[in-house]
């Protein structure tokens, strides 16, 4: 997966929809980071695949704000199955790979 959504929190159905589409559901580790981001800032997940592969419940994913020149931590709280779905690029690919 090479896309993510960062939010303060997610409703369970929204989180499931993101994972089904291969999109990382990330939450701010520090809510104060939400205030620092500007609308047009370019945010990058460096080594996204490696960060997701290392993810377990409560694992942090580092986001780099290229525009402002700093990094901050987000949390990716997912099950092993959800991790496998994200690494496959979503539910459809995961289902094909595990058929």
C-alpha atoms as a PDB file:
ATOM      1  CA  UNK A   1       0.000   0.000   0.000  1.00  0.00           C
ATOM      2  CA  UNK A   2       1.270   3.467  -0.770  1.00  0.00           C
ATOM      3  CA  UNK A   3      -1.653   5.548   0.466  1.00  0.00           C
ATOM      4  CA  UNK A   4      -2.936   6.392   3.887  1.00  0.00           C
ATOM      5  CA  UNK A   5      -5.506   8.465   5.694  1.00  0.00           C
ATOM      6  CA  UNK A   6      -4.528  10.146   8.959  1.00  0.00           C
ATOM      7  CA  UNK A   7      -7.329  10.990  11.362  1.00  0.00           C
ATOM      8  CA  UNK A   8      -7.835  11.662  15.043  1.00  0.00           C
ATOM      9  CA  UNK A   9     -10.013   8.514  15.169  1.00  0.00           C
ATOM     10  CA  UNK A  10     -11.968   6.173  12.876  1.00  0.00           C
ATOM     11  CA  UNK A  11     -15.391   4.607  13.006  1.00  0.00           C
ATOM     12  CA  UNK A  12     -14.959   0.833  12.641  1.00  0.00           C
ATOM     13  CA  UNK A  13     -16.753   0.675   9.255  1.00  0.00           C
ATOM     14  CA  UNK A  14     -14.631   3.506   7.808  1.00  0.00           C
ATOM     15  CA  UNK A  15     -11.448   1.802   8.979  1.00  0.00           C
ATOM     16  CA  UNK A  16     -12.585  -1.511   7.419  1.00  0.00           C
ATOM     17  CA  UNK A  17     -13.379   0.226   4.111  1.00  0.00           C
ATOM     18  CA  UNK A  18      -9.924   1.823   3.994  1.00  0.00           C
ATOM     19  CA  UNK A  19      -8.199  -1.523   4.648  1.00  0.00           C
ATOM     20  CA  UNK A  20     -10.390  -3.266   2.036  1.00  0.00           C
ATOM     21  CA  UNK A  21      -9.116  -0.679  -0.462  1.00  0.00           C
ATOM     22  CA  UNK A  22      -5.476  -1.065   0.599  1.00  0.00           C
ATOM     23  CA  UNK A  23      -5.333   2.328   2.318  1.00  0.00           C
ATOM     24  CA  UNK A  24      -3.574   2.651   5.689  1.00  0.00           C
ATOM     25  CA  UNK A  25      -5.878   3.856   8.502  1.00  0.00           C
ATOM     26  CA  UNK A  26      -3.486   5.950  10.583  1.00  0.00           C
ATOM     27  CA  UNK A  27      -4.227   7.898  13.747  1.00  0.00           C
ATOM     28  CA  UNK A  28      -2.117  10.679  15.244  1.00  0.00           C
ATOM     29  CA  UNK A  29       0.125   9.395  18.059  1.00  0.00           C
ATOM     30  CA  UNK A  30       0.143  12.988  19.360  1.00  0.00           C
ATOM     31  CA  UNK A  31      -3.054  14.925  18.610  1.00  0.00           C
ATOM     32  CA  UNK A  32      -1.001  18.155  18.597  1.00  0.00           C
ATOM     33  CA  UNK A  33       0.546  17.049  15.282  1.00  0.00           C
ATOM     34  CA  UNK A  34      -2.873  17.481  13.654  1.00  0.00           C
ATOM     35  CA  UNK A  35      -2.679  21.236  14.274  1.00  0.00           C
ATOM     36  CA  UNK A  36       0.754  21.577  12.631  1.00  0.00           C
ATOM     37  CA  UNK A  37      -0.253  20.248   9.211  1.00  0.00           C
ATOM     38  CA  UNK A  38      -1.343  22.688   6.518  1.00  0.00           C
ATOM     39  CA  UNK A  39      -3.768  21.854   3.709  1.00  0.00           C
ATOM     40  CA  UNK A  40      -1.190  21.718   0.906  1.00  0.00           C
ATOM     41  CA  UNK A  41       1.640  20.037   2.842  1.00  0.00           C
ATOM     42  CA  UNK A  42       3.188  17.022   1.101  1.00  0.00           C
ATOM     43  CA  UNK A  43       3.143  14.085   3.523  1.00  0.00           C
ATOM     44  CA  UNK A  44       5.181  10.969   2.746  1.00  0.00           C
ATOM     45  CA  UNK A  45       5.324   7.502   4.311  1.00  0.00           C
ATOM     46  CA  UNK A  46       8.974   6.513   3.840  1.00  0.00           C
ATOM     47  CA  UNK A  47       9.483   2.743   3.401  1.00  0.00           C
ATOM     48  CA  UNK A  48       5.734   2.224   3.722  1.00  0.00           C
ATOM     49  CA  UNK A  49       5.804  -1.508   3.030  1.00  0.00           C
ATOM     50  CA  UNK A  50       8.518  -2.148   5.618  1.00  0.00           C
ATOM     51  CA  UNK A  51       6.672  -0.046   8.183  1.00  0.00           C
ATOM     52  CA  UNK A  52       3.444  -2.001   7.599  1.00  0.00           C
ATOM     53  CA  UNK A  53       5.274  -5.355   7.676  1.00  0.00           C
ATOM     54  CA  UNK A  54       6.631  -4.418  11.110  1.00  0.00           C
ATOM     55  CA  UNK A  55       3.213  -3.312  12.329  1.00  0.00           C
ATOM     56  CA  UNK A  56       1.510  -4.965  15.239  1.00  0.00           C
ATOM     57  CA  UNK A  57      -1.172  -3.526  17.485  1.00  0.00           C
ATOM     58  CA  UNK A  58      -0.102  -0.032  18.493  1.00  0.00           C
ATOM     59  CA  UNK A  59       2.833   0.040  16.057  1.00  0.00           C
ATOM     60  CA  UNK A  60       3.877   3.476  14.950  1.00  0.00           C
ATOM     61  CA  UNK A  61       4.249   4.547  11.333  1.00  0.00           C
ATOM     62  CA  UNK A  62       6.442   7.589  10.752  1.00  0.00           C
ATOM     63  CA  UNK A  63       5.139  10.286   8.408  1.00  0.00           C
ATOM     64  CA  UNK A  64       7.460  12.896   6.916  1.00  0.00           C
ATOM     65  CA  UNK A  65       6.085  16.365   6.245  1.00  0.00           C
ATOM     66  CA  UNK A  66       8.273  17.234   3.240  1.00  0.00           C
ATOM     67  CA  UNK A  67       6.872  20.762   3.022  1.00  0.00           C
ATOM     68  CA  UNK A  68       7.727  21.744   6.592  1.00  0.00           C
ATOM     69  CA  UNK A  69      10.743  19.449   7.028  1.00  0.00           C
ATOM     70  CA  UNK A  70       9.813  17.349  10.057  1.00  0.00           C
ATOM     71  CA  UNK A  71       8.512  13.867  10.870  1.00  0.00           C
ATOM     72  CA  UNK A  72       5.819  12.695  13.252  1.00  0.00           C
ATOM     73  CA  UNK A  73       4.439   9.388  14.442  1.00  0.00           C
ATOM     74  CA  UNK A  74       1.071   7.866  13.669  1.00  0.00           C
ATOM     75  CA  UNK A  75      -0.417   4.639  14.962  1.00  0.00           C
ATOM     76  CA  UNK A  76      -1.525   1.693  12.835  1.00  0.00           C
ATOM     77  CA  UNK A  77      -3.682  -0.551  15.020  1.00  0.00           C
ATOM     78  CA  UNK A  78      -4.525  -3.586  12.876  1.00  0.00           C
ATOM     79  CA  UNK A  79      -4.825  -7.356  13.126  1.00  0.00           C
ATOM     80  CA  UNK A  80      -2.427  -9.732  11.336  1.00  0.00           C
ATOM     81  CA  UNK A  81      -5.143 -10.434   8.744  1.00  0.00           C
ATOM     82  CA  UNK A  82      -5.665  -6.698   8.151  1.00  0.00           C
ATOM     83  CA  UNK A  83      -1.889  -6.280   7.835  1.00  0.00           C
ATOM     84  CA  UNK A  84      -1.815  -9.042   5.195  1.00  0.00           C
ATOM     85  CA  UNK A  85      -4.719  -7.381   3.366  1.00  0.00           C
ATOM     86  CA  UNK A  86      -2.889  -4.028   3.316  1.00  0.00           C
ATOM     87  CA  UNK A  87       0.333  -5.639   2.069  1.00  0.00           C
ATOM     88  CA  UNK A  88      -1.638  -7.368  -0.705  1.00  0.00           C
ATOM     89  CA  UNK A  89      -3.110  -4.005  -1.750  1.00  0.00           C
ATOM     90  CA  UNK A  90      -6.624  -4.615  -0.443  1.00  0.00           C
ATOM     91  CA  UNK A  91      -9.300  -7.260   0.006  1.00  0.00           C
ATOM     92  CA  UNK A  92      -9.636  -8.221  -3.666  1.00  0.00           C
ATOM     93  CA  UNK A  93      -5.928  -8.958  -4.119  1.00  0.00           C
ATOM     94  CA  UNK A  94      -5.756 -10.662  -0.701  1.00  0.00           C
ATOM     95  CA  UNK A  95      -8.674 -12.943  -1.620  1.00  0.00           C
ATOM     96  CA  UNK A  96      -7.056 -13.851  -4.976  1.00  0.00           C
ATOM     97  CA  UNK A  97      -3.732 -14.604  -3.304  1.00  0.00           C
ATOM     98  CA  UNK A  98      -5.343 -16.796  -0.645  1.00  0.00           C
ATOM     99  CA  UNK A  99      -7.923 -18.606  -2.801  1.00  0.00           C
END
